[in-house]
C-alpha atoms as a PDB file:
ATOM      1  CA  MET A   1       0.290   0.411  -0.207  1.00  0.00           C
ATOM      2  CA  ARG A   2       1.226   3.485  -0.941  1.00  0.00           C
ATOM      3  CA  PHE A   3       0.650   6.306   1.237  1.00  0.00           C
ATOM      4  CA  PRO A   4       0.484   9.914   0.042  1.00  0.00           C
ATOM      5  CA  LYS A   5       3.601  12.244   1.467  1.00  0.00           C
ATOM      6  CA  TYR A   6       2.200  14.275   3.067  1.00  0.00           C
ATOM      7  CA  GLY A   7      -1.195  13.433   5.340  1.00  0.00           C
ATOM      8  CA  ASN A   8      -4.801  14.914   3.908  1.00  0.00           C
ATOM      9  CA  TYR A   9      -7.886  15.363   5.849  1.00  0.00           C
ATOM     10  CA  SER A  10     -11.426  16.515   5.366  1.00  0.00           C
ATOM     11  CA  LEU A  11     -13.753  18.148   7.410  1.00  0.00           C
ATOM     12  CA  ASP A  12     -17.770  18.245   7.281  1.00  0.00           C
ATOM     13  CA  ILE A  13     -20.648  19.087  10.145  1.00  0.00           C
ATOM     14  CA  SER A  14     -23.371  17.195   9.895  1.00  0.00           C
ATOM     15  CA  GLY A  15     -25.910  17.552  12.753  1.00  0.00           C
ATOM     16  CA  ASN A  16     -24.320  18.649  15.713  1.00  0.00           C
ATOM     17  CA  VAL A  17     -21.245  16.276  14.817  1.00  0.00           C
ATOM     18  CA  LEU A  18     -17.888  17.521  12.532  1.00  0.00           C
ATOM     19  CA  GLU A  19     -17.178  14.415  11.291  1.00  0.00           C
ATOM     20  CA  VAL A  20     -13.136  14.622  10.221  1.00  0.00           C
ATOM     21  CA  PHE A  21     -11.420  11.879   7.803  1.00  0.00           C
ATOM     22  CA  ALA A  22      -7.632  11.745   8.255  1.00  0.00           C
ATOM     23  CA  THR A  23      -5.267   9.889   5.845  1.00  0.00           C
ATOM     24  CA  GLY A  24      -1.574   9.499   5.381  1.00  0.00           C
ATOM     25  CA  ALA A  25       1.656  10.560   7.318  1.00  0.00           C
ATOM     26  CA  TRP A  26       0.424  14.236   8.891  1.00  0.00           C
ATOM     27  CA  ASN A  27       3.750  16.892   8.622  1.00  0.00           C
ATOM     28  CA  LEU A  28       3.212  20.389  11.114  1.00  0.00           C
ATOM     29  CA  ARG A  29       1.904  21.536   7.706  1.00  0.00           C
ATOM     30  CA  THR A  30      -1.018  20.016   7.520  1.00  0.00           C
ATOM     31  CA  THR A  31      -2.001  19.812  11.270  1.00  0.00           C
ATOM     32  CA  GLU A  32      -1.921  23.089  11.590  1.00  0.00           C
ATOM     33  CA  LEU A  33      -3.558  23.691   8.220  1.00  0.00           C
ATOM     34  CA  PHE A  34      -6.239  21.044   8.970  1.00  0.00           C
ATOM     35  CA  VAL A  35      -6.430  22.626  12.598  1.00  0.00           C
ATOM     36  CA  GLU A  36      -7.232  26.489  11.020  1.00  0.00           C
ATOM     37  CA  GLU A  37      -9.591  25.041   9.347  1.00  0.00           C
ATOM     38  CA  MET A  38     -11.342  23.280  11.800  1.00  0.00           C
ATOM     39  CA  HIS A  39     -11.380  26.546  13.840  1.00  0.00           C
ATOM     40  CA  ASP A  40     -13.900  28.391  11.098  1.00  0.00           C
ATOM     41  CA  LEU A  41     -15.937  25.428  10.137  1.00  0.00           C
ATOM     42  CA  ILE A  42     -17.179  24.373  14.374  1.00  0.00           C
ATOM     43  CA  SER A  43     -18.242  28.502  14.507  1.00  0.00           C
ATOM     44  CA  LYS A  44     -21.358  27.486  12.549  1.00  0.00           C
ATOM     45  CA  PHE A  45     -21.741  25.502  16.129  1.00  0.00           C
ATOM     46  CA  ASP A  46     -22.288  28.628  17.914  1.00  0.00           C
ATOM     47  CA  ASP A  47     -19.998  27.087  20.866  1.00  0.00           C
ATOM     48  CA  LYS A  48     -23.553  24.833  21.646  1.00  0.00           C
ATOM     49  CA  PRO A  49     -22.665  21.093  22.756  1.00  0.00           C
ATOM     50  CA  TRP A  50     -21.328  19.694  19.712  1.00  0.00           C
ATOM     51  CA  ALA A  51     -19.039  16.052  18.991  1.00  0.00           C
ATOM     52  CA  ALA A  52     -16.659  15.155  16.878  1.00  0.00           C
ATOM     53  CA  LEU A  53     -16.334  11.787  14.696  1.00  0.00           C
ATOM     54  CA  MET A  54     -13.323  11.095  13.364  1.00  0.00           C
ATOM     55  CA  ASP A  55     -11.861   8.196  10.837  1.00  0.00           C
ATOM     56  CA  GLY A  56      -8.362   7.725  11.218  1.00  0.00           C
ATOM     57  CA  ARG A  57      -8.186   4.285   9.782  1.00  0.00           C
ATOM     58  CA  ARG A  58      -5.952   5.285   6.494  1.00  0.00           C
ATOM     59  CA  TRP A  59      -4.275   7.647   9.015  1.00  0.00           C
ATOM     60  CA  VAL A  60      -0.609   7.028   9.129  1.00  0.00           C
ATOM     61  CA  LEU A  61       1.171   9.042  11.789  1.00  0.00           C
ATOM     62  CA  SER A  62       2.343  12.160  13.534  1.00  0.00           C
ATOM     63  CA  THR A  63       5.265  13.950  14.496  1.00  0.00           C
ATOM     64  CA  PRO A  64       5.667  14.634  18.494  1.00  0.00           C
ATOM     65  CA  GLU A  65       4.349  18.662  17.136  1.00  0.00           C
ATOM     66  CA  CYS A  66       1.413  17.459  15.198  1.00  0.00           C
ATOM     67  CA  GLN A  67       0.761  15.778  18.624  1.00  0.00           C
ATOM     68  CA  THR A  68       1.125  19.486  20.655  1.00  0.00           C
ATOM     69  CA  CYS A  69      -0.797  21.277  17.799  1.00  0.00           C
ATOM     70  CA  LEU A  70      -3.151  18.997  17.766  1.00  0.00           C
ATOM     71  CA  ALA A  71      -3.986  19.094  21.860  1.00  0.00           C
ATOM     72  CA  ASP A  72      -4.040  22.679  22.037  1.00  0.00           C
ATOM     73  CA  ALA A  73      -6.745  22.486  19.499  1.00  0.00           C
ATOM     74  CA  ILE A  74      -8.523  20.150  20.751  1.00  0.00           C
ATOM     75  CA  LYS A  75      -8.602  22.305  23.970  1.00  0.00           C
ATOM     76  CA  THR A  76     -10.189  25.062  22.130  1.00  0.00           C
ATOM     77  CA  ASN A  77     -12.810  22.611  21.038  1.00  0.00           C
ATOM     78  CA  ILE A  78     -13.471  22.116  24.312  1.00  0.00           C
ATOM     79  CA  SER A  79     -13.818  25.780  25.402  1.00  0.00           C
ATOM     80  CA  ARG A  80     -15.710  26.122  22.484  1.00  0.00           C
ATOM     81  CA  GLY A  81     -18.740  23.484  23.001  1.00  0.00           C
ATOM     82  CA  LEU A  82     -17.001  19.776  22.128  1.00  0.00           C
ATOM     83  CA  CYS A  83     -18.203  17.537  24.454  1.00  0.00           C
ATOM     84  CA  ARG A  84     -18.233  14.094  22.725  1.00  0.00           C
ATOM     85  CA  SER A  85     -15.288  12.957  20.703  1.00  0.00           C
ATOM     86  CA  ALA A  86     -15.319   9.177  19.001  1.00  0.00           C
ATOM     87  CA  TYR A  87     -12.010   7.859  17.122  1.00  0.00           C
ATOM     88  CA  VAL A  88     -12.168   5.251  14.265  1.00  0.00           C
ATOM     89  CA  LEU A  89      -9.084   2.962  14.076  1.00  0.00           C
ATOM     90  CA  ASP A  90      -7.713  -0.278  13.308  1.00  0.00           C
ATOM     91  CA  SER A  91      -6.426  -2.568  15.669  1.00  0.00           C
ATOM     92  CA  GLY A  92      -3.172  -1.153  16.152  1.00  0.00           C
ATOM     93  CA  MET A  93      -2.400   0.266  19.591  1.00  0.00           C
ATOM     94  CA  VAL A  94       0.331   3.225  18.404  1.00  0.00           C
ATOM     95  CA  LYS A  95      -2.611   4.811  16.464  1.00  0.00           C
ATOM     96  CA  ARG A  96      -4.287   5.517  19.936  1.00  0.00           C
ATOM     97  CA  ALA A  97      -1.123   6.035  21.770  1.00  0.00           C
ATOM     98  CA  GLN A  98      -0.960   8.981  19.924  1.00  0.00           C
ATOM     99  CA  LEU A  99      -3.297   9.798  20.037  1.00  0.00           C
ATOM    100  CA  GLU A 100      -3.770   9.387  23.734  1.00  0.00           C
ATOM    101  CA  ARG A 101      -1.081  12.672  24.151  1.00  0.00           C
ATOM    102  CA  THR A 102      -3.653  14.773  22.703  1.00  0.00           C
ATOM    103  CA  HIS A 103      -6.190  13.837  25.552  1.00  0.00           C
ATOM    104  CA  PRO A 104      -6.513  17.751  27.352  1.00  0.00           C
ATOM    105  CA  ALA A 105      -7.678  14.844  30.949  1.00  0.00           C
ATOM    106  CA  LYS A 106      -4.308  13.498  30.286  1.00  0.00           C
ATOM    107  CA  GLN A 107      -2.521  17.062  31.744  1.00  0.00           C
ATOM    108  CA  ARG A 108      -5.334  18.059  33.911  1.00  0.00           C
ATOM    109  CA  GLU A 109      -8.787  16.103  34.651  1.00  0.00           C
ATOM    110  CA  VAL A 110     -11.058  18.681  36.623  1.00  0.00           C
ATOM    111  CA  GLU A 111     -10.309  21.064  33.837  1.00  0.00           C
ATOM    112  CA  PHE A 112     -12.608  19.382  30.927  1.00  0.00           C
ATOM    113  CA  PRO A 113     -15.254  17.031  33.630  1.00  0.00           C
ATOM    114  CA  GLN A 114     -17.711  17.626  30.028  1.00  0.00           C
ATOM    115  CA  TYR A 115     -16.262  15.971  27.640  1.00  0.00           C
ATOM    116  CA  GLU A 116     -15.361  11.885  27.093  1.00  0.00           C
ATOM    117  CA  ARG A 117     -13.140  10.613  24.084  1.00  0.00           C
ATOM    118  CA  GLU A 118     -14.098   6.888  22.692  1.00  0.00           C
ATOM    119  CA  TYR A 119     -12.446   4.761  20.728  1.00  0.00           C
ATOM    120  CA  PHE A 120     -13.734   2.494  18.336  1.00  0.00           C
ATOM    121  CA  GLU A 121     -13.089  -0.330  15.672  1.00  0.00           C
ATOM    122  CA  LYS A 122     -16.383  -0.090  13.141  1.00  0.00           C
ATOM    123  CA  TYR A 123     -17.340   3.157  11.713  1.00  0.00           C
ATOM    124  CA  PHE A 124     -20.833   2.399  12.544  1.00  0.00           C
ATOM    125  CA  SER A 125     -20.642   1.024  16.516  1.00  0.00           C
ATOM    126  CA  ALA A 126     -18.566   5.210  16.996  1.00  0.00           C
ATOM    127  CA  LEU A 127     -22.154   6.853  15.622  1.00  0.00           C
ATOM    128  CA  ASN A 128     -23.723   4.239  17.948  1.00  0.00           C
ATOM    129  CA  TRP A 129     -22.199   6.014  20.728  1.00  0.00           C
ATOM    130  CA  LEU A 130     -22.184   9.692  19.436  1.00  0.00           C
ATOM    131  CA  HIS A 131     -26.239   9.272  19.184  1.00  0.00           C
ATOM    132  CA  THR A 132     -26.669   7.667  22.439  1.00  0.00           C
ATOM    133  CA  GLU A 133     -24.739   9.962  23.504  1.00  0.00           C
ATOM    134  CA  GLY A 134     -27.086  12.839  22.203  1.00  0.00           C
ATOM    135  CA  TYR A 135     -24.790  13.337  18.727  1.00  0.00           C
ATOM    136  CA  SER A 136     -26.466  12.762  15.914  1.00  0.00           C
ATOM    137  CA  PRO A 137     -25.156  14.209  12.238  1.00  0.00           C
ATOM    138  CA  LEU A 138     -28.800  13.784  11.421  1.00  0.00           C
ATOM    139  CA  ASN A 139     -30.836  16.882  11.123  1.00  0.00           C
ATOM    140  CA  THR A 140     -30.912  17.955  14.573  1.00  0.00           C
ATOM    141  CA  LYS A 141     -33.475  20.905  16.657  1.00  0.00           C
END
């Protein structure tokens, strides 16, 4: 399997869910562009509660600088209404270990009590969990 030289992503808002599809190996520039575009897009949530659904099955990993940038972006997202994150990953533990380094609870758990994150191997399992938590890509009122 061949991967592009630099990672890529797509972002979309459906209902009260930000959907993220990440592919390839991310460098800091890709991460910075992603964060900038994501923060512009989530302004549509108007600081109301929302969730993120990230499909990282075709993501290849990132540098420590990318992890720091993402950790800061997640804190900003939480301050702007992010309450749940569902990560869809393959069964290996390396990607999960990298993503765990971006978890704000690893820095100060009491700071973000409303935020929860879960990991899944199947996309529909992640969707189901978000739905039970009150977040759906279907139009919400």
